[in-house]
Amino acid sequence: MVIAMNAEEKIRDINVVMEILVRLPPKSVFRFKSVSNTWKKIISTDPLFLCSYSRRRSSATSDRLLAFFQLTDKEYVRPGIPWSPYPPPMTILPVRVPDNPIATLELPKNLYYILNSSNGLILTSTLCHKFYVVNPFTFKWVSLPRLPELSVLTREESSTGIMCEDNLNELKANYIVVRAITPLENDIMSIQTYSSRTGKWAESMLVATGNFALQPQAATVANGVFHWIAYNWTIAVYDPNDHVKNHVQLIQMPNSISNEEDFHMPTITRTTADNVLWLCIYGTEQLHFFMLPKGEDCGPSYSRKTAISHEEWVPMHSISHV
């Protein structure tokens, strides 16, 4: 009887905590992860809390402050979906309950990786460069044609991402998959682009604003723009719809952070209203948030003739997590 009452009290306490947390701003919620393991588990992995909090935050009028949550709990990584061996993944608080929709799909039984997603579509691949585009809400998927076997680019190391357009007037999703070949300190980047409209792969050459070398990880796609992390603390940006065709804009990441901290791979996103670039750098002691103004010469994009200096980033927030 006592055990049953203790269990009921524990559940009641958790519900009270969730009722409080769901009303707090992202900055406060993130800090409360350090209160206890129970609070950390609720904030990081509890499906009911994530769904309730996301629904409440989605109605907010401002998206200037972005909440980033580190998903490091082993139980969150679903079985059967291996993740690339990079630093701990960072993600924006999801707008839907985290689940494993791919497990219900009859995909080929190969080892496959989730690369990234765009407007509800997920891009996965096998170790042999076979790509699949998955819609987790309709439980449908398509297999992309194999890369051109005679192409030299097919055998090179690459970084791949998907960009799905907003479909307001069409029922069929229109998307492209861009496979970028990692250059070795060069200002030329070769890409292979698959279009759902043509059903084919096409090769092209992009010219950057300086020499760079991509790190071997999937692209981050935000507002239809591809972002790759390059060596030398640089971001490589490619906008397929930019007025400057075949252009790769290099952006130096901010270095005005304490040298005493160790840093994991940064997280990139953009605001929906004005398409402004935001950056979150995860340090051993703090989360650092930066915003990059477009400047008078950029117009609607960040395209310039030279690389954007690290000095143009504006520090916005620093949140302690120790």
Protein backbone atom coordinates (compact mmCIF):
# COMPACT_ATOMS: atom_id res chain seq x y z
CA MET A 1 0.00 0.00 0.00
CA VAL A 2 2.82 2.36 0.92
CA ILE A 3 4.65 1.47 -2.28
CA ALA A 4 1.54 2.21 -4.34
CA MET A 5 1.09 5.58 -2.64
CA ASN A 6 4.75 6.46 -3.20
CA ALA A 7 4.40 5.61 -6.88
CA GLU A 8 1.28 7.77 -7.16
CA GLU A 9 3.02 10.65 -5.41
CA LYS A 10 6.02 10.32 -7.72
CA ILE A 11 3.81 10.44 -10.81
CA ARG A 12 1.94 13.43 -9.35
CA ASP A 13 5.23 15.24 -8.70
CA ILE A 14 6.41 14.60 -12.27
CA ASN A 15 3.14 15.95 -13.65
CA VAL A 16 3.52 19.09 -11.54
CA VAL A 17 7.08 19.57 -12.79
CA MET A 18 5.93 19.19 -16.39
CA GLU A 19 3.10 21.70 -15.87
CA ILE A 20 5.68 24.21 -14.64
CA LEU A 21 8.34 23.55 -17.27
CA VAL A 22 5.95 23.73 -20.21
CA ARG A 23 5.20 27.38 -19.35
CA LEU A 24 8.82 28.52 -19.15
CA PRO A 25 10.94 30.09 -21.92
CA PRO A 26 13.61 27.91 -23.59
CA LYS A 27 16.49 29.57 -21.71
CA SER A 28 15.00 28.67 -18.32
CA VAL A 29 14.05 25.16 -19.39
CA PHE A 30 17.58 24.42 -20.54
CA ARG A 31 19.04 25.56 -17.21
CA PHE A 32 16.65 23.34 -15.26
CA LYS A 33 18.15 20.23 -16.89
CA SER A 34 20.88 20.43 -14.26
CA VAL A 35 18.46 20.27 -11.30
CA SER A 36 18.28 16.47 -11.26
CA ASN A 37 18.44 13.42 -13.50
CA THR A 38 14.64 13.23 -13.43
CA TRP A 39 14.26 16.78 -14.71
CA LYS A 40 16.94 16.20 -17.33
CA LYS A 41 15.14 13.08 -18.55
CA ILE A 42 11.80 14.92 -18.75
CA ILE A 43 13.24 17.84 -20.70
CA SER A 44 15.41 15.76 -23.05
CA THR A 45 13.41 12.64 -23.84
CA ASP A 46 9.88 12.61 -22.40
CA PRO A 47 7.53 12.47 -25.45
CA LEU A 48 4.58 14.04 -23.63
CA PHE A 49 6.63 17.02 -22.46
CA LEU A 50 8.32 17.52 -25.84
CA CYS A 51 5.00 17.45 -27.65
CA SER A 52 3.29 19.82 -25.19
CA TYR A 53 6.21 22.24 -25.08
CA SER A 54 6.63 22.25 -28.86
CA ARG A 55 2.93 22.91 -29.42
CA ARG A 56 2.99 25.81 -26.99
CA ARG A 57 6.21 27.30 -28.41
CA SER A 58 5.01 26.98 -32.01
CA SER A 59 2.41 29.65 -31.31
CA ALA A 60 5.03 32.11 -30.03
CA THR A 61 5.50 35.26 -32.09
CA SER A 62 9.28 35.42 -31.83
CA ASP A 63 11.83 32.86 -32.90
CA ARG A 64 14.89 35.00 -32.16
CA LEU A 65 16.01 32.82 -29.27
CA LEU A 66 16.43 29.24 -30.43
CA ALA A 67 16.49 26.45 -27.88
CA PHE A 68 19.08 23.79 -28.57
CA PHE A 69 18.97 20.51 -26.66
CA GLN A 70 21.72 17.92 -26.52
CA LEU A 71 20.33 14.44 -27.04
CA THR A 72 22.92 12.18 -25.47
CA ASP A 73 20.74 9.68 -23.61
CA LYS A 74 21.27 6.19 -24.97
CA GLU A 75 17.57 5.40 -24.82
CA TYR A 76 16.83 8.25 -27.24
CA VAL A 77 18.87 6.69 -30.05
CA ARG A 78 16.49 4.17 -31.52
CA PRO A 79 17.72 0.66 -32.31
CA GLY A 80 18.35 -0.05 -35.96
CA ILE A 81 19.21 3.57 -36.82
CA PRO A 82 22.98 4.05 -36.54
CA TRP A 83 24.27 7.58 -36.24
CA SER A 84 27.44 8.93 -37.77
CA PRO A 85 30.37 8.89 -35.31
CA TYR A 86 30.60 12.64 -34.84
CA PRO A 87 30.44 14.70 -31.61
CA PRO A 88 27.20 14.52 -29.58
CA PRO A 89 24.29 15.56 -31.83
CA MET A 90 22.65 18.92 -31.29
CA THR A 91 19.10 19.59 -32.40
CA ILE A 92 16.42 22.22 -32.17
CA LEU A 93 13.59 21.23 -29.85
CA PRO A 94 11.47 19.01 -32.13
CA VAL A 95 8.02 20.11 -33.22
CA ARG A 96 6.73 16.55 -33.08
CA VAL A 97 7.10 13.69 -30.66
CA PRO A 98 10.37 11.83 -31.38
CA ASP A 99 9.68 8.34 -32.63
CA ASN A 100 11.04 5.80 -35.05
CA PRO A 101 8.80 5.91 -38.13
CA ILE A 102 11.45 4.32 -40.32
CA ALA A 103 11.21 1.08 -38.36
CA THR A 104 7.69 0.60 -39.74
CA LEU A 105 8.79 1.01 -43.36
CA GLU A 106 9.77 -1.92 -45.53
CA LEU A 107 13.13 -0.51 -46.51
CA PRO A 108 15.83 -2.85 -47.80
CA LYS A 109 17.60 -4.53 -44.91
CA ASN A 110 20.89 -2.75 -45.41
CA LEU A 111 22.79 -0.67 -42.92
CA TYR A 112 21.52 2.84 -43.47
CA TYR A 113 22.12 6.25 -41.94
CA ILE A 114 19.87 9.24 -41.42
CA LEU A 115 21.66 12.14 -43.13
CA ASN A 116 19.26 15.06 -42.68
CA SER A 117 15.69 16.23 -43.31
CA SER A 118 13.79 19.04 -45.00
CA ASN A 119 10.11 20.02 -44.83
CA GLY A 120 9.05 16.63 -43.52
CA LEU A 121 11.21 14.42 -45.78
CA ILE A 122 14.14 12.39 -44.44
CA LEU A 123 17.24 11.50 -46.46
CA THR A 124 18.89 8.18 -45.63
CA SER A 125 21.73 6.28 -47.26
CA THR A 126 23.57 3.00 -47.15
CA LEU A 127 27.31 2.56 -46.95
CA CYS A 128 27.42 1.95 -50.71
CA HIS A 129 26.02 5.40 -51.63
CA LYS A 130 22.45 4.23 -52.17
CA PHE A 131 19.98 6.96 -51.17
CA TYR A 132 16.36 6.79 -50.00
CA VAL A 133 13.92 9.65 -49.38
CA VAL A 134 11.38 8.84 -46.66
CA ASN A 135 8.12 10.51 -45.67
CA PRO A 136 7.61 9.36 -42.06
CA PHE A 137 4.02 10.62 -41.91
CA THR A 138 2.68 8.81 -44.98
CA PHE A 139 4.98 5.79 -44.44
CA LYS A 140 6.15 5.98 -48.05
CA TRP A 141 9.67 6.06 -49.44
CA VAL A 142 11.43 6.24 -52.79
CA SER A 143 14.78 4.88 -53.89
CA LEU A 144 16.92 7.35 -55.79
CA PRO A 145 18.68 6.18 -58.95
CA ARG A 146 22.23 5.01 -58.44
CA LEU A 147 24.98 7.53 -58.98
CA PRO A 148 26.54 7.53 -62.47
CA GLU A 149 28.96 4.60 -62.46
CA LEU A 150 31.29 6.14 -65.04
CA SER A 151 31.69 9.38 -63.11
CA VAL A 152 34.89 9.96 -61.17
CA LEU A 153 32.86 11.91 -58.60
CA THR A 154 30.86 8.83 -57.61
CA ARG A 155 33.94 7.23 -56.04
CA GLU A 156 34.94 10.31 -54.03
CA GLU A 157 34.18 11.13 -50.40
CA SER A 158 31.14 13.37 -50.13
CA SER A 159 28.79 15.32 -47.90
CA THR A 160 25.10 15.03 -48.83
CA GLY A 161 21.88 16.83 -47.96
CA ILE A 162 18.25 17.14 -49.09
CA MET A 163 16.20 20.29 -49.75
CA CYS A 164 12.43 19.98 -50.12
CA GLU A 165 10.49 22.98 -51.40
CA ASP A 166 7.36 24.29 -49.72
CA ASN A 167 4.49 22.84 -51.73
CA LEU A 168 1.54 25.20 -51.38
CA ASN A 169 -0.11 24.48 -54.72
CA GLU A 170 1.05 20.93 -55.47
CA LEU A 171 0.36 17.62 -53.80
CA LYS A 172 3.65 16.10 -54.94
CA ALA A 173 6.79 16.99 -53.01
CA ASN A 174 9.52 18.64 -55.07
CA TYR A 175 13.02 18.19 -53.72
CA ILE A 176 16.67 18.03 -54.65
CA VAL A 177 19.50 16.00 -53.15
CA VAL A 178 22.94 17.56 -53.36
CA ARG A 179 26.05 15.42 -52.99
CA ALA A 180 29.08 17.67 -52.50
CA ILE A 181 32.54 16.28 -53.16
CA THR A 182 34.90 17.37 -50.41
CA PRO A 183 37.64 19.47 -52.01
CA LEU A 184 41.22 19.49 -50.79
CA GLU A 185 42.00 23.15 -50.13
CA ASN A 186 40.51 24.34 -53.40
CA ASP A 187 38.08 27.06 -54.45
CA ILE A 188 36.21 24.67 -56.77
CA MET A 189 33.61 22.22 -55.44
CA SER A 190 32.04 19.52 -57.59
CA ILE A 191 28.47 18.47 -56.82
CA GLN A 192 26.01 15.85 -58.00
CA THR A 193 22.38 17.00 -57.82
CA TYR A 194 19.32 14.76 -58.01
CA SER A 195 16.01 16.44 -58.89
CA SER A 196 12.63 14.86 -58.21
CA ARG A 197 11.32 16.74 -61.24
CA THR A 198 13.75 15.15 -63.72
CA GLY A 199 14.41 11.90 -61.86
CA LYS A 200 18.10 12.14 -62.78
CA TRP A 201 21.48 13.07 -61.33
CA ALA A 202 23.36 16.02 -62.84
CA GLU A 203 26.94 17.16 -62.25
CA SER A 204 28.10 20.75 -61.92
CA MET A 205 30.97 22.85 -60.61
CA LEU A 206 30.66 25.54 -57.94
CA VAL A 207 33.11 28.38 -57.33
CA ALA A 208 33.82 29.51 -53.77
CA THR A 209 35.04 32.82 -52.40
CA GLY A 210 38.33 31.18 -51.38
CA ASN A 211 40.05 27.87 -50.77
CA PHE A 212 38.34 25.44 -48.39
CA ALA A 213 37.99 21.76 -47.52
CA LEU A 214 34.71 20.22 -46.31
CA GLN A 215 34.54 18.06 -43.25
CA PRO A 216 33.01 14.61 -43.97
CA GLN A 217 29.55 15.08 -42.49
CA ALA A 218 26.02 15.66 -43.76
CA ALA A 219 24.90 19.11 -44.82
CA THR A 220 22.59 21.27 -42.73
CA VAL A 221 19.67 22.58 -44.80
CA ALA A 222 17.74 25.60 -43.54
CA ASN A 223 15.26 27.68 -45.58
CA GLY A 224 16.33 25.90 -48.77
CA VAL A 225 20.03 26.68 -48.29
CA PHE A 226 22.81 24.10 -47.88
CA HIS A 227 25.42 24.67 -45.15
CA TRP A 228 28.58 22.60 -44.75
CA ILE A 229 31.16 22.79 -41.99
CA ALA A 230 34.63 23.20 -43.47
CA TYR A 231 38.04 23.00 -41.89
CA ASN A 232 39.71 26.15 -40.57
CA TRP A 233 36.53 27.05 -38.63
CA THR A 234 34.57 27.97 -41.75
CA ILE A 235 31.02 27.48 -43.09
CA ALA A 236 30.44 26.83 -46.80
CA VAL A 237 27.01 28.05 -47.98
CA TYR A 238 25.29 27.05 -51.24
CA ASP A 239 21.89 28.41 -52.23
CA PRO A 240 20.50 26.67 -55.37
CA ASN A 241 18.01 29.54 -55.84
CA ASP A 242 20.46 32.40 -55.33
CA HIS A 243 20.74 35.08 -57.98
CA VAL A 244 24.48 34.35 -58.12
CA LYS A 245 24.62 30.96 -59.84
CA ASN A 246 27.05 28.18 -58.86
CA HIS A 247 28.34 30.25 -55.95
CA VAL A 248 29.72 28.98 -52.63
CA GLN A 249 29.89 31.64 -49.96
CA LEU A 250 32.51 31.05 -47.27
CA ILE A 251 31.78 32.40 -43.79
CA GLN A 252 34.36 32.41 -41.03
CA MET A 253 32.88 31.30 -37.72
CA PRO A 254 33.29 33.53 -34.65
CA ASN A 255 36.46 33.03 -32.63
CA SER A 256 35.74 35.52 -29.86
CA ILE A 257 35.21 32.75 -27.31
CA SER A 258 37.32 31.76 -24.33
CA ASN A 259 40.25 29.62 -25.40
CA GLU A 260 39.87 27.63 -22.18
CA GLU A 261 36.78 25.83 -23.48
CA ASP A 262 36.69 22.80 -25.76
CA PHE A 263 34.05 22.89 -28.49
CA HIS A 264 31.97 20.35 -30.35
CA MET A 265 30.70 20.76 -33.90
CA PRO A 266 28.52 23.90 -34.16
CA THR A 267 24.82 23.87 -35.03
CA ILE A 268 23.45 26.04 -37.85
CA THR A 269 19.93 27.32 -38.45
CA ARG A 270 18.05 30.31 -39.88
CA THR A 271 15.07 32.33 -38.73
CA THR A 272 11.91 31.81 -40.75
CA ALA A 273 10.87 35.46 -40.95
CA ASP A 274 13.99 37.19 -42.29
CA ASN A 275 16.23 34.22 -43.21
CA VAL A 276 19.00 35.38 -40.89
CA LEU A 277 21.78 32.91 -40.09
CA TRP A 278 22.19 31.78 -36.48
CA LEU A 279 24.98 29.68 -35.01
CA CYS A 280 25.15 27.73 -31.74
CA ILE A 281 28.57 26.62 -30.51
CA TYR A 282 28.49 23.98 -27.78
CA GLY A 283 31.35 24.42 -25.33
CA THR A 284 32.30 22.43 -22.25
CA GLU A 285 30.88 25.18 -20.04
CA GLN A 286 28.42 27.20 -22.10
CA LEU A 287 26.20 27.33 -25.17
CA HIS A 288 27.16 30.33 -27.29
CA PHE A 289 24.60 31.83 -29.71
CA PHE A 290 25.60 34.14 -32.57
CA MET A 291 23.63 35.97 -35.26
CA LEU A 292 25.06 37.08 -38.62
CA PRO A 293 23.60 40.30 -40.09
CA LYS A 294 23.34 40.28 -43.87
CA GLY A 295 24.85 43.70 -44.41
CA GLU A 296 23.89 46.36 -46.91
CA ASP A 297 25.57 44.68 -49.89
CA CYS A 298 24.08 41.21 -49.43
CA GLY A 299 20.47 41.89 -50.38
CA PRO A 300 18.22 38.90 -49.64
CA SER A 301 21.18 36.48 -49.38
CA TYR A 302 24.70 36.36 -47.99
CA SER A 303 26.38 36.21 -51.41
CA ARG A 304 29.52 38.31 -51.70
CA LYS A 305 32.69 38.33 -53.76
CA THR A 306 34.87 37.55 -50.74
CA ALA A 307 34.57 35.44 -47.60
CA ILE A 308 32.59 36.91 -44.71
CA SER A 309 34.81 37.73 -41.75
CA HIS A 310 34.34 36.23 -38.30
CA GLU A 311 34.16 39.79 -36.97
CA GLU A 312 30.67 40.29 -38.45
CA TRP A 313 29.02 37.78 -36.12
CA VAL A 314 27.03 39.36 -33.28
CA PRO A 315 27.08 37.48 -29.93
CA MET A 316 23.49 37.15 -28.70
CA HIS A 317 23.33 34.70 -25.79
CA SER A 318 25.58 32.54 -23.61
CA ILE A 319 23.90 29.90 -21.47
CA SER A 320 25.81 28.01 -18.80
CA HIS A 321 25.17 24.26 -18.58
CA VAL A 322 27.63 23.21 -15.86
